[in-house]
Amino acid sequence: MKTGLTKQEKTTDIWFDEKEPLIHIRTHNTALKKRLLAYSRCYPAICQQTDADPETGCMEFDIEKGRFSFRLTAPYSEERREKARQYARENNAADRLK
């Protein structure tokens, strides 16, 4: 979707405090919008779409605390990266032989 916004202007904002039971999410991110929209359709008591702006492509959602999380991942060690490379080489070669 062409919105006229720069990538820097296409933000994702997540608001919550310790008092309120809901997290408010405002995003332009297509993958996140699709995931939240699908979730809101499956679980309308837990997550609701509250607003959408077709001009900018922005959508807003409210979701219960405890249903939304961030995943922090540690960087891979050089040893783990080398094992992943080796695994990919072996499986890629095997796939070509099929």
PDB file of N, CA and C in Angstrom:
ATOM      1  N   MET A   1       0.847  -1.182   0.000  1.00  0.00           N
ATOM      2  CA  MET A   1       0.000   0.000   0.000  1.00  0.00           C
ATOM      3  C   MET A   1       0.885   1.235   0.000  1.00  0.00           C
ATOM      4  N   LYS A   2       0.652   2.134  -0.897  1.00  0.00           N
ATOM      5  CA  LYS A   2       1.385   3.385  -0.990  1.00  0.00           C
ATOM      6  C   LYS A   2       0.680   4.408  -0.110  1.00  0.00           C
ATOM      7  N   THR A   3       1.368   4.886   0.924  1.00  0.00           N
ATOM      8  CA  THR A   3       0.715   5.791   1.871  1.00  0.00           C
ATOM      9  C   THR A   3       1.276   7.197   1.841  1.00  0.00           C
ATOM     10  N   GLY A   4       2.421   7.378   1.214  1.00  0.00           N
ATOM     11  CA  GLY A   4       3.044   8.687   1.238  1.00  0.00           C
ATOM     12  C   GLY A   4       3.891   8.905   2.477  1.00  0.00           C
ATOM     13  N   LEU A   5       3.953   7.913   3.349  1.00  0.00           N
ATOM     14  CA  LEU A   5       4.785   7.999   4.541  1.00  0.00           C
ATOM     15  C   LEU A   5       6.146   7.378   4.263  1.00  0.00           C
ATOM     16  N   THR A   6       7.178   7.942   4.884  1.00  0.00           N
ATOM     17  CA  THR A   6       8.499   7.339   4.772  1.00  0.00           C
ATOM     18  C   THR A   6       8.581   6.167   5.736  1.00  0.00           C
ATOM     19  N   LYS A   7       9.571   5.309   5.539  1.00  0.00           N
ATOM     20  CA  LYS A   7       9.734   4.179   6.449  1.00  0.00           C
ATOM     21  C   LYS A   7       9.950   4.660   7.878  1.00  0.00           C
ATOM     22  N   GLN A   8      10.611   5.773   8.036  1.00  0.00           N
ATOM     23  CA  GLN A   8      10.840   6.323   9.374  1.00  0.00           C
ATOM     24  C   GLN A   8       9.533   6.761  10.029  1.00  0.00           C
ATOM     25  N   GLU A   9       8.577   7.170   9.233  1.00  0.00           N
ATOM     26  CA  GLU A   9       7.286   7.605   9.761  1.00  0.00           C
ATOM     27  C   GLU A   9       6.344   6.438  10.047  1.00  0.00           C
ATOM     28  N   LYS A  10       6.643   5.266   9.498  1.00  0.00           N
ATOM     29  CA  LYS A  10       5.815   4.083   9.728  1.00  0.00           C
ATOM     30  C   LYS A  10       6.282   3.409  11.011  1.00  0.00           C
ATOM     31  N   THR A  11       5.683   3.808  12.098  1.00  0.00           N
ATOM     32  CA  THR A  11       6.139   3.366  13.411  1.00  0.00           C
ATOM     33  C   THR A  11       5.189   2.343  14.020  1.00  0.00           C
ATOM     34  N   THR A  12       5.671   1.700  15.063  1.00  0.00           N
ATOM     35  CA  THR A  12       4.846   0.858  15.917  1.00  0.00           C
ATOM     36  C   THR A  12       4.992   1.400  17.329  1.00  0.00           C
ATOM     37  N   ASP A  13       3.880   1.779  17.919  1.00  0.00           N
ATOM     38  CA  ASP A  13       3.870   2.306  19.282  1.00  0.00           C
ATOM     39  C   ASP A  13       3.116   1.330  20.165  1.00  0.00           C
ATOM     40  N   ILE A  14       3.692   1.019  21.318  1.00  0.00           N
ATOM     41  CA  ILE A  14       3.063   0.112  22.276  1.00  0.00           C
ATOM     42  C   ILE A  14       2.995   0.842  23.609  1.00  0.00           C
ATOM     43  N   TRP A  15       1.767   1.029  24.119  1.00  0.00           N
ATOM     44  CA  TRP A  15       1.574   1.750  25.374  1.00  0.00           C
ATOM     45  C   TRP A  15       0.942   0.836  26.410  1.00  0.00           C
ATOM     46  N   PHE A  16       1.500   0.881  27.594  1.00  0.00           N
ATOM     47  CA  PHE A  16       0.849   0.232  28.728  1.00  0.00           C
ATOM     48  C   PHE A  16       1.434   0.804  29.996  1.00  0.00           C
ATOM     49  N   ASP A  17       0.665   0.693  31.062  1.00  0.00           N
ATOM     50  CA  ASP A  17       1.155   1.101  32.370  1.00  0.00           C
ATOM     51  C   ASP A  17       0.809   0.005  33.366  1.00  0.00           C
ATOM     52  N   GLU A  18       1.217   0.186  34.589  1.00  0.00           N
ATOM     53  CA  GLU A  18       0.999  -0.848  35.604  1.00  0.00           C
ATOM     54  C   GLU A  18      -0.450  -0.898  36.086  1.00  0.00           C
ATOM     55  N   LYS A  19      -1.204   0.177  35.873  1.00  0.00           N
ATOM     56  CA  LYS A  19      -2.572   0.249  36.379  1.00  0.00           C
ATOM     57  C   LYS A  19      -3.585  -0.411  35.450  1.00  0.00           C
ATOM     58  N   GLU A  20      -3.521  -0.089  34.174  1.00  0.00           N
ATOM     59  CA  GLU A  20      -4.532  -0.545  33.214  1.00  0.00           C
ATOM     60  C   GLU A  20      -4.318  -2.011  32.826  1.00  0.00           C
ATOM     61  N   PRO A  21      -5.396  -2.736  32.580  1.00  0.00           N
ATOM     62  CA  PRO A  21      -5.288  -4.155  32.216  1.00  0.00           C
ATOM     63  C   PRO A  21      -5.024  -4.400  30.729  1.00  0.00           C
ATOM     64  N   LEU A  22      -4.977  -3.321  29.923  1.00  0.00           N
ATOM     65  CA  LEU A  22      -4.814  -3.472  28.484  1.00  0.00           C
ATOM     66  C   LEU A  22      -3.512  -2.853  27.983  1.00  0.00           C
ATOM     67  N   ILE A  23      -3.034  -3.396  26.880  1.00  0.00           N
ATOM     68  CA  ILE A  23      -1.906  -2.822  26.142  1.00  0.00           C
ATOM     69  C   ILE A  23      -2.503  -2.230  24.874  1.00  0.00           C
ATOM     70  N   HIS A  24      -2.096  -1.009  24.533  1.00  0.00           N
ATOM     71  CA  HIS A  24      -2.573  -0.350  23.320  1.00  0.00           C
ATOM     72  C   HIS A  24      -1.441  -0.393  22.294  1.00  0.00           C
ATOM     73  N   ILE A  25      -1.745  -0.913  21.101  1.00  0.00           N
ATOM     74  CA  ILE A  25      -0.746  -1.039  20.039  1.00  0.00           C
ATOM     75  C   ILE A  25      -1.232  -0.268  18.825  1.00  0.00           C
ATOM     76  N   ARG A  26      -0.377   0.596  18.321  1.00  0.00           N
ATOM     77  CA  ARG A  26      -0.650   1.366  17.097  1.00  0.00           C
ATOM     78  C   ARG A  26       0.492   1.064  16.147  1.00  0.00           C
ATOM     79  N   THR A  27       0.189   0.498  14.967  1.00  0.00           N
ATOM     80  CA  THR A  27       1.266   0.057  14.087  1.00  0.00           C
ATOM     81  C   THR A  27       0.969   0.262  12.607  1.00  0.00           C
ATOM     82  N   HIS A  28       2.048   0.432  11.847  1.00  0.00           N
ATOM     83  CA  HIS A  28       2.000   0.436  10.389  1.00  0.00           C
ATOM     84  C   HIS A  28       2.583  -0.869   9.844  1.00  0.00           C
ATOM     85  N   ASN A  29       3.174  -1.688  10.703  1.00  0.00           N
ATOM     86  CA  ASN A  29       3.857  -2.915  10.294  1.00  0.00           C
ATOM     87  C   ASN A  29       2.839  -3.938   9.784  1.00  0.00           C
ATOM     88  N   THR A  30       2.980  -4.304   8.516  1.00  0.00           N
ATOM     89  CA  THR A  30       2.003  -5.176   7.869  1.00  0.00           C
ATOM     90  C   THR A  30       1.911  -6.542   8.542  1.00  0.00           C
ATOM     91  N   ALA A  31       3.047  -7.155   8.843  1.00  0.00           N
ATOM     92  CA  ALA A  31       3.029  -8.487   9.459  1.00  0.00           C
ATOM     93  C   ALA A  31       2.355  -8.440  10.828  1.00  0.00           C
ATOM     94  N   LEU A  32       2.670  -7.427  11.620  1.00  0.00           N
ATOM     95  CA  LEU A  32       2.068  -7.300  12.949  1.00  0.00           C
ATOM     96  C   LEU A  32       0.569  -7.018  12.838  1.00  0.00           C
ATOM     97  N   LYS A  33       0.178  -6.180  11.895  1.00  0.00           N
ATOM     98  CA  LYS A  33      -1.254  -5.895  11.695  1.00  0.00           C
ATOM     99  C   LYS A  33      -2.015  -7.172  11.357  1.00  0.00           C
ATOM    100  N   LYS A  34      -1.460  -7.981  10.453  1.00  0.00           N
ATOM    101  CA  LYS A  34      -2.132  -9.223  10.066  1.00  0.00           C
ATOM    102  C   LYS A  34      -2.254 -10.180  11.249  1.00  0.00           C
ATOM    103  N   ARG A  35      -1.186 -10.291  12.046  1.00  0.00           N
ATOM    104  CA  ARG A  35      -1.220 -11.189  13.197  1.00  0.00           C
ATOM    105  C   ARG A  35      -2.230 -10.723  14.236  1.00  0.00           C
ATOM    106  N   LEU A  36      -2.230  -9.415  14.522  1.00  0.00           N
ATOM    107  CA  LEU A  36      -3.171  -8.878  15.511  1.00  0.00           C
ATOM    108  C   LEU A  36      -4.610  -8.969  15.016  1.00  0.00           C
ATOM    109  N   LEU A  37      -4.834  -8.732  13.747  1.00  0.00           N
ATOM    110  CA  LEU A  37      -6.182  -8.814  13.186  1.00  0.00           C
ATOM    111  C   LEU A  37      -6.704 -10.253  13.268  1.00  0.00           C
ATOM    112  N   ALA A  38      -5.874 -11.213  12.898  1.00  0.00           N
ATOM    113  CA  ALA A  38      -6.280 -12.619  12.983  1.00  0.00           C
ATOM    114  C   ALA A  38      -6.553 -13.008  14.437  1.00  0.00           C
ATOM    115  N   TYR A  39      -5.693 -12.556  15.343  1.00  0.00           N
ATOM    116  CA  TYR A  39      -5.866 -12.866  16.767  1.00  0.00           C
ATOM    117  C   TYR A  39      -7.159 -12.248  17.291  1.00  0.00           C
ATOM    118  N   SER A  40      -7.424 -11.004  16.886  1.00  0.00           N
ATOM    119  CA  SER A  40      -8.646 -10.326  17.357  1.00  0.00           C
ATOM    120  C   SER A  40      -9.903 -11.015  16.846  1.00  0.00           C
ATOM    121  N   ARG A  41      -9.826 -11.625  15.676  1.00  0.00           N
ATOM    122  CA  ARG A  41     -10.988 -12.340  15.145  1.00  0.00           C
ATOM    123  C   ARG A  41     -11.206 -13.668  15.863  1.00  0.00           C
ATOM    124  N   CYS A  42     -10.104 -14.310  16.268  1.00  0.00           N
ATOM    125  CA  CYS A  42     -10.211 -15.584  16.996  1.00  0.00           C
ATOM    126  C   CYS A  42     -10.585 -15.375  18.463  1.00  0.00           C
ATOM    127  N   TYR A  43     -10.102 -14.296  19.053  1.00  0.00           N
ATOM    128  CA  TYR A  43     -10.285 -14.045  20.487  1.00  0.00           C
ATOM    129  C   TYR A  43     -10.789 -12.616  20.722  1.00  0.00           C
ATOM    130  N   PRO A  44     -12.024 -12.318  20.322  1.00  0.00           N
ATOM    131  CA  PRO A  44     -12.527 -10.945  20.444  1.00  0.00           C
ATOM    132  C   PRO A  44     -12.672 -10.450  21.886  1.00  0.00           C
ATOM    133  N   ALA A  45     -12.751 -11.348  22.853  1.00  0.00           N
ATOM    134  CA  ALA A  45     -12.854 -10.923  24.249  1.00  0.00           C
ATOM    135  C   ALA A  45     -11.494 -10.475  24.790  1.00  0.00           C
ATOM    136  N   ILE A  46     -10.430 -10.873  24.119  1.00  0.00           N
ATOM    137  CA  ILE A  46      -9.073 -10.583  24.593  1.00  0.00           C
ATOM    138  C   ILE A  46      -8.412  -9.455  23.804  1.00  0.00           C
ATOM    139  N   CYS A  47      -8.731  -9.351  22.515  1.00  0.00           N
ATOM    140  CA  CYS A  47      -8.066  -8.396  21.626  1.00  0.00           C
ATOM    141  C   CYS A  47      -9.092  -7.776  20.687  1.00  0.00           C
ATOM    142  N   GLN A  48      -9.094  -6.453  20.590  1.00  0.00           N
ATOM    143  CA  GLN A  48     -10.013  -5.757  19.704  1.00  0.00           C
ATOM    144  C   GLN A  48      -9.267  -4.739  18.856  1.00  0.00           C
ATOM    145  N   GLN A  49      -9.664  -4.664  17.589  1.00  0.00           N
ATOM    146  CA  GLN A  49      -9.167  -3.580  16.747  1.00  0.00           C
ATOM    147  C   GLN A  49      -9.970  -2.348  17.130  1.00  0.00           C
ATOM    148  N   THR A  50      -9.290  -1.256  17.457  1.00  0.00           N
ATOM    149  CA  THR A  50      -9.987  -0.057  17.919  1.00  0.00           C
ATOM    150  C   THR A  50     -10.041   1.043  16.873  1.00  0.00           C
ATOM    151  N   ASP A  51      -9.130   1.000  15.893  1.00  0.00           N
ATOM    152  CA  ASP A  51      -9.117   2.057  14.880  1.00  0.00           C
ATOM    153  C   ASP A  51      -8.317   1.585  13.674  1.00  0.00           C
ATOM    154  N   ALA A  52      -8.592   2.179  12.526  1.00  0.00           N
ATOM    155  CA  ALA A  52      -7.836   1.929  11.310  1.00  0.00           C
ATOM    156  C   ALA A  52      -7.861   3.202  10.469  1.00  0.00           C
ATOM    157  N   ASP A  53      -6.725   3.530   9.877  1.00  0.00           N
ATOM    158  CA  ASP A  53      -6.619   4.696   9.015  1.00  0.00           C
ATOM    159  C   ASP A  53      -6.181   4.222   7.631  1.00  0.00           C
ATOM    160  N   PRO A  54      -7.123   4.086   6.696  1.00  0.00           N
ATOM    161  CA  PRO A  54      -6.767   3.576   5.370  1.00  0.00           C
ATOM    162  C   PRO A  54      -5.796   4.475   4.605  1.00  0.00           C
ATOM    163  N   GLU A  55      -5.797   5.767   4.915  1.00  0.00           N
ATOM    164  CA  GLU A  55      -4.887   6.689   4.218  1.00  0.00           C
ATOM    165  C   GLU A  55      -3.432   6.428   4.569  1.00  0.00           C
ATOM    166  N   THR A  56      -3.156   6.133   5.839  1.00  0.00           N
ATOM    167  CA  THR A  56      -1.769   5.915   6.261  1.00  0.00           C
ATOM    168  C   THR A  56      -1.440   4.443   6.428  1.00  0.00           C
ATOM    169  N   GLY A  57      -2.449   3.573   6.449  1.00  0.00           N
ATOM    170  CA  GLY A  57      -2.218   2.149   6.641  1.00  0.00           C
ATOM    171  C   GLY A  57      -2.014   1.765   8.089  1.00  0.00           C
ATOM    172  N   CYS A  58      -2.343   2.653   8.999  1.00  0.00           N
ATOM    173  CA  CYS A  58      -2.155   2.415  10.427  1.00  0.00           C
ATOM    174  C   CYS A  58      -3.374   1.705  11.015  1.00  0.00           C
ATOM    175  N   MET A  59      -3.107   0.791  11.961  1.00  0.00           N
ATOM    176  CA  MET A  59      -4.186   0.127  12.689  1.00  0.00           C
ATOM    177  C   MET A  59      -3.870   0.179  14.176  1.00  0.00           C
ATOM    178  N   GLU A  60      -4.941   0.208  14.988  1.00  0.00           N
ATOM    179  CA  GLU A  60      -4.779   0.239  16.437  1.00  0.00           C
ATOM    180  C   GLU A  60      -5.556  -0.907  17.062  1.00  0.00           C
ATOM    181  N   PHE A  61      -4.947  -1.462  18.118  1.00  0.00           N
ATOM    182  CA  PHE A  61      -5.531  -2.598  18.822  1.00  0.00           C
ATOM    183  C   PHE A  61      -5.377  -2.421  20.320  1.00  0.00           C
ATOM    184  N   ASP A  62      -6.310  -2.977  21.070  1.00  0.00           N
ATOM    185  CA  ASP A  62      -6.186  -3.133  22.512  1.00  0.00           C
ATOM    186  C   ASP A  62      -6.149  -4.627  22.792  1.00  0.00           C
ATOM    187  N   ILE A  63      -5.197  -5.044  23.611  1.00  0.00           N
ATOM    188  CA  ILE A  63      -5.040  -6.454  23.927  1.00  0.00           C
ATOM    189  C   ILE A  63      -4.750  -6.602  25.414  1.00  0.00           C
ATOM    190  N   GLU A  64      -5.285  -7.660  26.012  1.00  0.00           N
ATOM    191  CA  GLU A  64      -5.065  -7.883  27.445  1.00  0.00           C
ATOM    192  C   GLU A  64      -3.586  -8.096  27.740  1.00  0.00           C
ATOM    193  N   LYS A  65      -3.165  -7.551  28.871  1.00  0.00           N
ATOM    194  CA  LYS A  65      -1.805  -7.812  29.329  1.00  0.00           C
ATOM    195  C   LYS A  65      -1.641  -9.315  29.518  1.00  0.00           C
ATOM    196  N   GLY A  66      -0.490  -9.812  29.264  1.00  0.00           N
ATOM    197  CA  GLY A  66      -0.242 -11.235  29.393  1.00  0.00           C
ATOM    198  C   GLY A  66      -0.460 -11.984  28.088  1.00  0.00           C
ATOM    199  N   ARG A  67      -1.083 -11.345  27.105  1.00  0.00           N
ATOM    200  CA  ARG A  67      -1.310 -11.966  25.798  1.00  0.00           C
ATOM    201  C   ARG A  67      -0.325 -11.472  24.754  1.00  0.00           C
ATOM    202  N   PHE A  68       0.434 -10.442  25.062  1.00  0.00           N
ATOM    203  CA  PHE A  68       1.391  -9.849  24.122  1.00  0.00           C
ATOM    204  C   PHE A  68       2.757  -9.890  24.779  1.00  0.00           C
ATOM    205  N   SER A  69       3.772 -10.295  24.020  1.00  0.00           N
ATOM    206  CA  SER A  69       5.108 -10.357  24.612  1.00  0.00           C
ATOM    207  C   SER A  69       6.178  -9.996  23.603  1.00  0.00           C
ATOM    208  N   PHE A  70       7.339  -9.643  24.129  1.00  0.00           N
ATOM    209  CA  PHE A  70       8.532  -9.416  23.334  1.00  0.00           C
ATOM    210  C   PHE A  70       9.448 -10.602  23.546  1.00  0.00           C
ATOM    211  N   ARG A  71      10.126 -11.004  22.533  1.00  0.00           N
ATOM    212  CA  ARG A  71      11.081 -12.094  22.674  1.00  0.00           C
ATOM    213  C   ARG A  71      12.475 -11.530  22.486  1.00  0.00           C
ATOM    214  N   LEU A  72      13.285 -11.652  23.504  1.00  0.00           N
ATOM    215  CA  LEU A  72      14.678 -11.222  23.424  1.00  0.00           C
ATOM    216  C   LEU A  72      15.535 -12.440  23.140  1.00  0.00           C
ATOM    217  N   THR A  73      16.386 -12.340  22.138  1.00  0.00           N
ATOM    218  CA  THR A  73      17.231 -13.472  21.790  1.00  0.00           C
ATOM    219  C   THR A  73      18.695 -13.078  21.949  1.00  0.00           C
ATOM    220  N   ALA A  74      19.449 -13.950  22.532  1.00  0.00           N
ATOM    221  CA  ALA A  74      20.884 -13.721  22.688  1.00  0.00           C
ATOM    222  C   ALA A  74      21.570 -13.906  21.334  1.00  0.00           C
ATOM    223  N   PRO A  75      22.652 -13.195  21.100  1.00  0.00           N
ATOM    224  CA  PRO A  75      23.369 -13.393  19.837  1.00  0.00           C
ATOM    225  C   PRO A  75      23.963 -14.795  19.767  1.00  0.00           C
ATOM    226  N   TYR A  76      24.047 -15.346  18.555  1.00  0.00           N
ATOM    227  CA  TYR A  76      24.629 -16.668  18.362  1.00  0.00           C
ATOM    228  C   TYR A  76      26.139 -16.613  18.572  1.00  0.00           C
ATOM    229  N   SER A  77      26.672 -17.655  19.188  1.00  0.00           N
ATOM    230  CA  SER A  77      28.124 -17.770  19.309  1.00  0.00           C
ATOM    231  C   SER A  77      28.681 -18.166  17.947  1.00  0.00           C
ATOM    232  N   GLU A  78      29.966 -17.943  17.747  1.00  0.00           N
ATOM    233  CA  GLU A  78      30.586 -18.321  16.479  1.00  0.00           C
ATOM    234  C   GLU A  78      30.455 -19.829  16.248  1.00  0.00           C
ATOM    235  N   GLU A  79      30.559 -20.606  17.322  1.00  0.00           N
ATOM    236  CA  GLU A  79      30.423 -22.058  17.215  1.00  0.00           C
ATOM    237  C   GLU A  79      29.026 -22.437  16.717  1.00  0.00           C
ATOM    238  N   ARG A  80      27.997 -21.788  17.272  1.00  0.00           N
ATOM    239  CA  ARG A  80      26.632 -22.097  16.851  1.00  0.00           C
ATOM    240  C   ARG A  80      26.400 -21.683  15.403  1.00  0.00           C
ATOM    241  N   ARG A  81      26.967 -20.534  15.002  1.00  0.00           N
ATOM    242  CA  ARG A  81      26.826 -20.095  13.612  1.00  0.00           C
ATOM    243  C   ARG A  81      27.469 -21.087  12.647  1.00  0.00           C
ATOM    244  N   GLU A  82      28.656 -21.585  13.025  1.00  0.00           N
ATOM    245  CA  GLU A  82      29.352 -22.547  12.166  1.00  0.00           C
ATOM    246  C   GLU A  82      28.552 -23.842  12.044  1.00  0.00           C
ATOM    247  N   LYS A  83      27.964 -24.313  13.151  1.00  0.00           N
ATOM    248  CA  LYS A  83      27.121 -25.520  13.096  1.00  0.00           C
ATOM    249  C   LYS A  83      25.914 -25.292  12.193  1.00  0.00           C
ATOM    250  N   ALA A  84      25.312 -24.107  12.263  1.00  0.00           N
ATOM    251  CA  ALA A  84      24.153 -23.792  11.417  1.00  0.00           C
ATOM    252  C   ALA A  84      24.563 -23.750   9.951  1.00  0.00           C
ATOM    253  N   ARG A  85      25.737 -23.169   9.653  1.00  0.00           N
ATOM    254  CA  ARG A  85      26.233 -23.139   8.272  1.00  0.00           C
ATOM    255  C   ARG A  85      26.433 -24.556   7.743  1.00  0.00           C
ATOM    256  N   GLN A  86      27.070 -25.393   8.563  1.00  0.00           N
ATOM    257  CA  GLN A  86      27.338 -26.775   8.169  1.00  0.00           C
ATOM    258  C   GLN A  86      26.028 -27.527   7.922  1.00  0.00           C
ATOM    259  N   TYR A  87      25.073 -27.365   8.802  1.00  0.00           N
ATOM    260  CA  TYR A  87      23.766 -28.006   8.662  1.00  0.00           C
ATOM    261  C   TYR A  87      23.095 -27.560   7.357  1.00  0.00           C
ATOM    262  N   ALA A  88      23.152 -26.248   7.079  1.00  0.00           N
ATOM    263  CA  ALA A  88      22.531 -25.716   5.866  1.00  0.00           C
ATOM    264  C   ALA A  88      23.223 -26.266   4.620  1.00  0.00           C
ATOM    265  N   ARG A  89      24.550 -26.334   4.633  1.00  0.00           N
ATOM    266  CA  ARG A  89      25.285 -26.873   3.484  1.00  0.00           C
ATOM    267  C   ARG A  89      24.883 -28.328   3.229  1.00  0.00           C
ATOM    268  N   GLU A  90      24.836 -29.136   4.291  1.00  0.00           N
ATOM    269  CA  GLU A  90      24.505 -30.550   4.154  1.00  0.00           C
ATOM    270  C   GLU A  90      23.087 -30.751   3.650  1.00  0.00           C
ATOM    271  N   ASN A  91      22.145 -30.008   4.192  1.00  0.00           N
ATOM    272  CA  ASN A  91      20.742 -30.174   3.803  1.00  0.00           C
ATOM    273  C   ASN A  91      20.458 -29.560   2.437  1.00  0.00           C
ATOM    274  N   ASN A  92      21.148 -28.505   2.094  1.00  0.00           N
ATOM    275  CA  ASN A  92      20.965 -27.884   0.771  1.00  0.00           C
ATOM    276  C   ASN A  92      21.484 -28.840  -0.299  1.00  0.00           C
ATOM    277  N   ALA A  93      22.618 -29.475  -0.048  1.00  0.00           N
ATOM    278  CA  ALA A  93      23.174 -30.430  -1.008  1.00  0.00           C
ATOM    279  C   ALA A  93      22.248 -31.632  -1.148  1.00  0.00           C
ATOM    280  N   ALA A  94      21.707 -32.121  -0.040  1.00  0.00           N
ATOM    281  CA  ALA A  94      20.792 -33.262  -0.082  1.00  0.00           C
ATOM    282  C   ALA A  94      19.518 -32.916  -0.855  1.00  0.00           C
ATOM    283  N   ASP A  95      19.040 -31.695  -0.711  1.00  0.00           N
ATOM    284  CA  ASP A  95      17.837 -31.277  -1.418  1.00  0.00           C
ATOM    285  C   ASP A  95      18.056 -31.247  -2.928  1.00  0.00           C
ATOM    286  N   ARG A  96      19.277 -30.884  -3.367  1.00  0.00           N
ATOM    287  CA  ARG A  96      19.576 -30.812  -4.794  1.00  0.00           C
ATOM    288  C   ARG A  96      19.631 -32.201  -5.431  1.00  0.00           C
ATOM    289  N   LEU A  97      19.964 -33.198  -4.644  1.00  0.00           N
ATOM    290  CA  LEU A  97      20.073 -34.557  -5.178  1.00  0.00           C
ATOM    291  C   LEU A  97      18.707 -35.207  -5.381  1.00  0.00           C
ATOM    292  N   LYS A  98      17.688 -34.702  -4.758  1.00  0.00           N
ATOM    293  CA  LYS A  98      16.340 -35.298  -4.876  1.00  0.00           C
ATOM    294  C   LYS A  98      15.729 -35.058  -6.217  1.00  0.00           C
TER     295      LYS A  98
END
